[in-house]
């Protein structure tokens, strides 16, 4: 088994402070968690394998990503940094990589213009291009026979619908079919967030995580719902994810990255300590 990665996530909004990390539940009811640069330094010191920095209101507000905050963050951390939010063009990708990011994450722009993935992958390399997929459960399976129907934990059949603009807009796209397409287009990795679990501490959404992990060759980062180290263990064992992303449990001091890694190591999950 390859080494599993633990990735803290900084969801950042633009405010009078110039950028603040926030955390909500199902993408709403945001509460402040601190300064992005300070939190990034903390996670770097705790032994995080990577960091994800998401400017979560950039696309909705129709503006570019906070380049200055990324530059300051990149100056302070020595682990791979993935940046997403408001990236709409090849020039945006170039600017973010030049600011110090190692990878860029595209979500809304990829749905609007799938060729952006292909073009970016050809220019910068697949290893730089992460496609973020935000999705939510849809139990209307009768009118959606063309979708990939999965069985939820309680046996209910459902498909997973891709949402964009920070969860504000449903697309009608099937998440499994979309994931396969982005892999074909040249994405190097998928960051999968199930809205039903975001910020809930209920654990990752295993049915969709496992399905993508089994069906795709590229790595799947599980995101949304980690409440404790055991949830992350389950994401690796039951969800078959390659990496686990978490925010709330780290931001509010419930666990450190090292706490999680030591728990995983005790249960024979290979991690970098």
Protein backbone atom coordinates (compact mmCIF):
# COMPACT_ATOMS: atom_id res chain seq x y z
CA UNK A 1 0.00 0.00 0.00
CA UNK A 2 1.34 3.42 -0.92
CA UNK A 3 1.87 6.01 1.81
CA UNK A 4 -1.42 7.75 2.60
CA UNK A 5 -1.44 11.54 2.70
CA UNK A 6 -3.04 13.78 5.33
CA UNK A 7 -3.96 17.17 3.93
CA UNK A 8 -5.29 20.09 6.00
CA UNK A 9 -7.56 22.40 4.02
CA UNK A 10 -7.68 26.17 4.31
CA UNK A 11 -11.04 27.50 3.09
CA UNK A 12 -10.33 31.22 2.70
CA UNK A 13 -12.63 34.20 2.14
CA UNK A 14 -11.59 37.72 1.25
CA UNK A 15 -12.34 40.21 4.03
CA UNK A 16 -11.00 43.39 5.59
CA UNK A 17 -8.07 41.37 6.99
CA UNK A 18 -7.09 40.44 3.43
CA UNK A 19 -8.01 36.77 3.81
CA UNK A 20 -9.41 34.66 6.66
CA UNK A 21 -9.75 30.89 7.01
CA UNK A 22 -13.37 29.89 7.64
CA UNK A 23 -15.25 26.63 8.15
CA UNK A 24 -18.92 25.95 7.69
CA UNK A 25 -21.39 23.08 7.58
CA UNK A 26 -22.57 21.96 4.13
CA UNK A 27 -20.85 25.05 2.70
CA UNK A 28 -22.84 27.56 4.84
CA UNK A 29 -22.84 29.01 8.40
CA UNK A 30 -19.18 29.96 8.15
CA UNK A 31 -17.15 30.66 11.28
CA UNK A 32 -13.68 32.17 11.37
CA UNK A 33 -10.73 29.88 12.08
CA UNK A 34 -7.73 32.18 11.76
CA UNK A 35 -5.05 33.64 9.53
CA UNK A 36 -4.19 31.42 6.52
CA UNK A 37 -0.44 31.98 6.71
CA UNK A 38 -0.27 31.22 10.45
CA UNK A 39 -2.39 28.08 10.07
CA UNK A 40 -0.29 26.92 7.11
CA UNK A 41 2.87 27.28 9.21
CA UNK A 42 1.28 25.30 12.03
CA UNK A 43 0.34 22.40 9.75
CA UNK A 44 3.73 22.42 8.08
CA UNK A 45 5.30 22.02 11.54
CA UNK A 46 2.83 19.27 12.51
CA UNK A 47 3.91 17.12 9.57
CA UNK A 48 1.13 17.60 7.04
CA UNK A 49 1.94 15.96 3.70
CA UNK A 50 0.36 18.74 1.65
CA UNK A 51 -1.87 21.79 2.07
CA UNK A 52 -4.95 22.78 0.10
CA UNK A 53 -5.83 26.47 -0.08
CA UNK A 54 -9.33 27.14 -1.46
CA UNK A 55 -10.53 30.67 -2.11
CA UNK A 56 -14.13 29.59 -1.64
CA UNK A 57 -15.92 32.75 -2.74
CA UNK A 58 -13.75 33.77 -5.71
CA UNK A 59 -15.89 32.08 -8.39
CA UNK A 60 -19.17 33.20 -6.83
CA UNK A 61 -17.87 36.78 -6.50
CA UNK A 62 -16.42 36.71 -10.01
CA UNK A 63 -12.89 37.65 -8.96
CA UNK A 64 -9.41 36.17 -9.13
CA UNK A 65 -7.68 34.19 -6.41
CA UNK A 66 -5.83 36.00 -3.59
CA UNK A 67 -2.34 35.85 -5.09
CA UNK A 68 -0.67 37.86 -2.32
CA UNK A 69 -1.94 35.48 0.37
CA UNK A 70 -0.71 32.52 -1.67
CA UNK A 71 2.73 34.10 -2.05
CA UNK A 72 2.97 34.67 1.71
CA UNK A 73 1.79 31.13 2.43
CA UNK A 74 4.21 29.57 -0.08
CA UNK A 75 7.07 31.48 1.57
CA UNK A 76 6.31 29.84 4.91
CA UNK A 77 5.63 26.19 4.02
CA UNK A 78 7.87 23.53 2.56
CA UNK A 79 5.28 20.94 1.55
CA UNK A 80 3.22 20.82 -1.66
CA UNK A 81 0.57 23.54 -1.85
CA UNK A 82 -2.59 23.14 -3.95
CA UNK A 83 -4.59 26.30 -4.67
CA UNK A 84 -8.15 26.55 -5.97
CA UNK A 85 -10.91 29.10 -6.36
CA UNK A 86 -11.52 31.56 -9.18
CA UNK A 87 -9.13 29.87 -11.62
CA UNK A 88 -10.71 30.28 -15.05
CA UNK A 89 -7.94 30.35 -17.62
CA UNK A 90 -4.46 29.15 -18.52
CA UNK A 91 -3.13 32.55 -17.47
CA UNK A 92 -4.76 32.11 -14.03
CA UNK A 93 -3.08 28.71 -13.69
CA UNK A 94 0.27 30.21 -14.67
CA UNK A 95 -0.14 33.05 -12.17
CA UNK A 96 -1.00 30.72 -9.28
CA UNK A 97 1.93 28.38 -10.01
CA UNK A 98 4.24 31.39 -10.31
CA UNK A 99 2.99 32.62 -6.90
CA UNK A 100 4.38 29.44 -5.33
CA UNK A 101 1.65 26.81 -5.65
CA UNK A 102 2.67 23.29 -6.70
CA UNK A 103 -0.77 22.36 -8.02
CA UNK A 104 -3.96 24.16 -9.00
CA UNK A 105 -7.48 22.94 -8.34
CA UNK A 106 -10.24 23.74 -10.82
CA UNK A 107 -13.92 23.14 -10.19
CA UNK A 108 -16.55 25.54 -11.56
CA UNK A 109 -14.38 26.59 -14.50
CA UNK A 110 -13.76 22.95 -15.45
CA UNK A 111 -17.49 22.24 -15.59
CA UNK A 112 -18.07 25.36 -17.67
CA UNK A 113 -15.11 24.64 -19.97
CA UNK A 114 -13.80 21.05 -19.73
CA UNK A 115 -11.07 21.76 -22.29
CA UNK A 116 -9.37 23.93 -19.66
CA UNK A 117 -8.30 20.67 -17.96
CA UNK A 118 -6.82 19.25 -21.17
CA UNK A 119 -5.03 22.46 -22.07
CA UNK A 120 -3.64 23.03 -18.57
CA UNK A 121 -2.52 19.42 -18.30
CA UNK A 122 -0.69 19.60 -21.64
CA UNK A 123 1.06 22.85 -20.75
CA UNK A 124 1.91 22.35 -17.07
CA UNK A 125 1.72 18.56 -16.66
CA UNK A 126 -1.04 16.38 -15.21
CA UNK A 127 0.69 16.34 -11.81
CA UNK A 128 -0.14 20.06 -11.45
CA UNK A 129 -3.84 19.78 -12.27
CA UNK A 130 -6.35 18.75 -9.59
CA UNK A 131 -10.04 18.69 -10.46
CA UNK A 132 -12.25 19.42 -7.47
CA UNK A 133 -15.65 17.75 -7.60
CA UNK A 134 -18.30 19.00 -5.18
CA UNK A 135 -21.38 16.79 -5.25
CA UNK A 136 -24.58 16.10 -3.41
CA UNK A 137 -26.82 13.07 -3.10
CA UNK A 138 -29.91 12.97 -5.31
CA UNK A 139 -32.44 10.26 -4.52
CA UNK A 140 -34.56 10.95 -7.62
CA UNK A 141 -33.42 7.86 -9.49
CA UNK A 142 -36.57 7.23 -11.56
CA UNK A 143 -36.05 10.30 -13.75
CA UNK A 144 -32.30 9.72 -13.90
CA UNK A 145 -31.88 6.23 -15.29
CA UNK A 146 -28.82 7.40 -17.25
CA UNK A 147 -26.98 8.26 -14.03
CA UNK A 148 -24.67 6.05 -11.95
CA UNK A 149 -26.94 4.76 -9.19
CA UNK A 150 -25.18 3.86 -5.93
CA UNK A 151 -26.52 2.35 -2.72
CA UNK A 152 -26.30 4.61 0.33
CA UNK A 153 -25.50 3.34 3.83
CA UNK A 154 -29.17 2.64 4.58
CA UNK A 155 -29.78 0.92 1.25
CA UNK A 156 -31.41 3.93 -0.44
CA UNK A 157 -30.52 4.19 -4.14
CA UNK A 158 -29.11 7.57 -5.16
CA UNK A 159 -26.86 9.28 -7.67
CA UNK A 160 -24.41 12.07 -6.95
CA UNK A 161 -24.95 15.40 -8.68
CA UNK A 162 -22.06 17.78 -9.35
CA UNK A 163 -22.59 21.29 -7.91
CA UNK A 164 -20.62 24.45 -8.70
CA UNK A 165 -20.14 28.00 -7.39
CA UNK A 166 -19.39 26.75 -3.88
CA UNK A 167 -22.39 24.43 -3.84
CA UNK A 168 -24.83 27.11 -4.94
CA UNK A 169 -25.71 25.70 -8.36
CA UNK A 170 -26.65 22.11 -9.31
CA UNK A 171 -25.46 21.05 -12.77
CA UNK A 172 -27.33 17.84 -13.59
CA UNK A 173 -23.93 16.19 -14.12
CA UNK A 174 -23.35 12.73 -12.68
CA UNK A 175 -20.27 12.85 -10.43
CA UNK A 176 -18.98 9.39 -11.42
CA UNK A 177 -19.33 10.09 -15.14
CA UNK A 178 -17.77 13.54 -14.72
CA UNK A 179 -14.84 12.10 -12.77
CA UNK A 180 -14.11 9.62 -15.57
CA UNK A 181 -14.22 12.45 -18.08
CA UNK A 182 -11.79 14.66 -16.19
CA UNK A 183 -9.39 11.73 -15.88
CA UNK A 184 -9.54 11.33 -19.69
CA UNK A 185 -8.97 15.07 -20.12
CA UNK A 186 -5.73 14.89 -18.16
CA UNK A 187 -6.46 15.71 -14.52
CA UNK A 188 -3.79 14.24 -12.26
CA UNK A 189 -5.94 13.95 -9.14
CA UNK A 190 -9.51 14.44 -7.92
CA UNK A 191 -10.49 16.32 -4.77
CA UNK A 192 -13.91 14.89 -3.90
CA UNK A 193 -16.23 16.70 -1.49
CA UNK A 194 -19.70 15.43 -0.63
CA UNK A 195 -21.83 18.38 0.49
CA UNK A 196 -23.95 16.15 2.73
CA UNK A 197 -20.90 15.58 4.94
CA UNK A 198 -19.04 18.90 4.76
CA UNK A 199 -18.30 20.14 8.30
CA UNK A 200 -20.64 17.59 9.89
CA UNK A 201 -18.06 15.39 11.71
CA UNK A 202 -20.07 12.38 10.45
CA UNK A 203 -17.22 10.82 8.48
CA UNK A 204 -16.51 10.79 4.76
CA UNK A 205 -19.21 9.88 2.23
CA UNK A 206 -18.03 6.32 1.66
CA UNK A 207 -20.27 5.19 -1.26
CA UNK A 208 -19.08 7.88 -3.69
CA UNK A 209 -15.48 7.86 -2.40
CA UNK A 210 -15.17 4.10 -2.86
CA UNK A 211 -16.82 4.18 -6.30
CA UNK A 212 -14.39 6.77 -7.67
CA UNK A 213 -11.39 5.08 -6.02
CA UNK A 214 -12.33 1.76 -7.65
CA UNK A 215 -13.22 3.15 -11.08
CA UNK A 216 -10.37 5.61 -11.67
CA UNK A 217 -6.62 5.26 -12.01
CA UNK A 218 -5.75 8.73 -10.66
CA UNK A 219 -5.62 9.44 -6.90
CA UNK A 220 -8.79 10.40 -5.03
CA UNK A 221 -8.61 12.83 -2.10
CA UNK A 222 -11.54 12.25 0.27
CA UNK A 223 -12.99 15.47 1.67
CA UNK A 224 -15.95 16.47 3.81
CA UNK A 225 -16.94 15.10 7.19
CA UNK A 226 -13.81 13.96 9.04
CA UNK A 227 -14.59 14.25 12.75
CA UNK A 228 -11.79 12.14 14.24
CA UNK A 229 -8.82 9.95 13.26
CA UNK A 230 -11.05 6.87 12.93
CA UNK A 231 -13.10 8.63 10.23
CA UNK A 232 -9.89 9.16 8.27
CA UNK A 233 -8.96 5.49 8.77
CA UNK A 234 -12.38 4.52 7.39
CA UNK A 235 -11.87 6.81 4.43
CA UNK A 236 -8.75 4.83 3.55
CA UNK A 237 -10.08 1.34 4.31
CA UNK A 238 -13.76 1.55 3.31
CA UNK A 239 -13.50 4.47 0.89
CA UNK A 240 -10.18 3.28 -0.61
CA UNK A 241 -9.04 6.91 -0.88
CA UNK A 242 -5.43 7.82 -1.59
CA UNK A 243 -5.43 10.91 0.62
CA UNK A 244 -7.67 12.45 3.26
CA UNK A 245 -8.43 16.13 3.60
CA UNK A 246 -9.69 17.65 6.83
CA UNK A 247 -10.29 21.14 8.17
CA UNK A 248 -12.46 21.54 11.28
CA UNK A 249 -10.68 18.94 13.42
CA UNK A 250 -7.36 20.68 12.81
CA UNK A 251 -8.43 24.34 12.81
CA UNK A 252 -10.19 24.20 16.16
CA UNK A 253 -7.47 22.20 17.89
CA UNK A 254 -9.30 18.93 18.42
CA UNK A 255 -6.51 16.92 16.81
CA UNK A 256 -3.12 17.63 15.30
CA UNK A 257 -1.90 16.14 12.05
CA UNK A 258 0.50 14.03 14.10
CA UNK A 259 -2.37 12.70 16.28
CA UNK A 260 -4.09 11.45 13.14
CA UNK A 261 -0.93 9.92 11.69
CA UNK A 262 -0.06 8.10 14.91
CA UNK A 263 -3.58 6.64 15.05
CA UNK A 264 -3.25 5.46 11.46
CA UNK A 265 0.21 4.00 12.04
CA UNK A 266 -1.10 1.98 14.98
CA UNK A 267 -3.67 0.51 12.60
CA UNK A 268 -1.04 -0.37 9.99
CA UNK A 269 -1.86 2.41 7.53
CA UNK A 270 1.43 3.58 5.95
CA UNK A 271 1.98 7.27 6.71
CA UNK A 272 4.98 9.58 6.74
CA UNK A 273 5.81 10.49 10.36
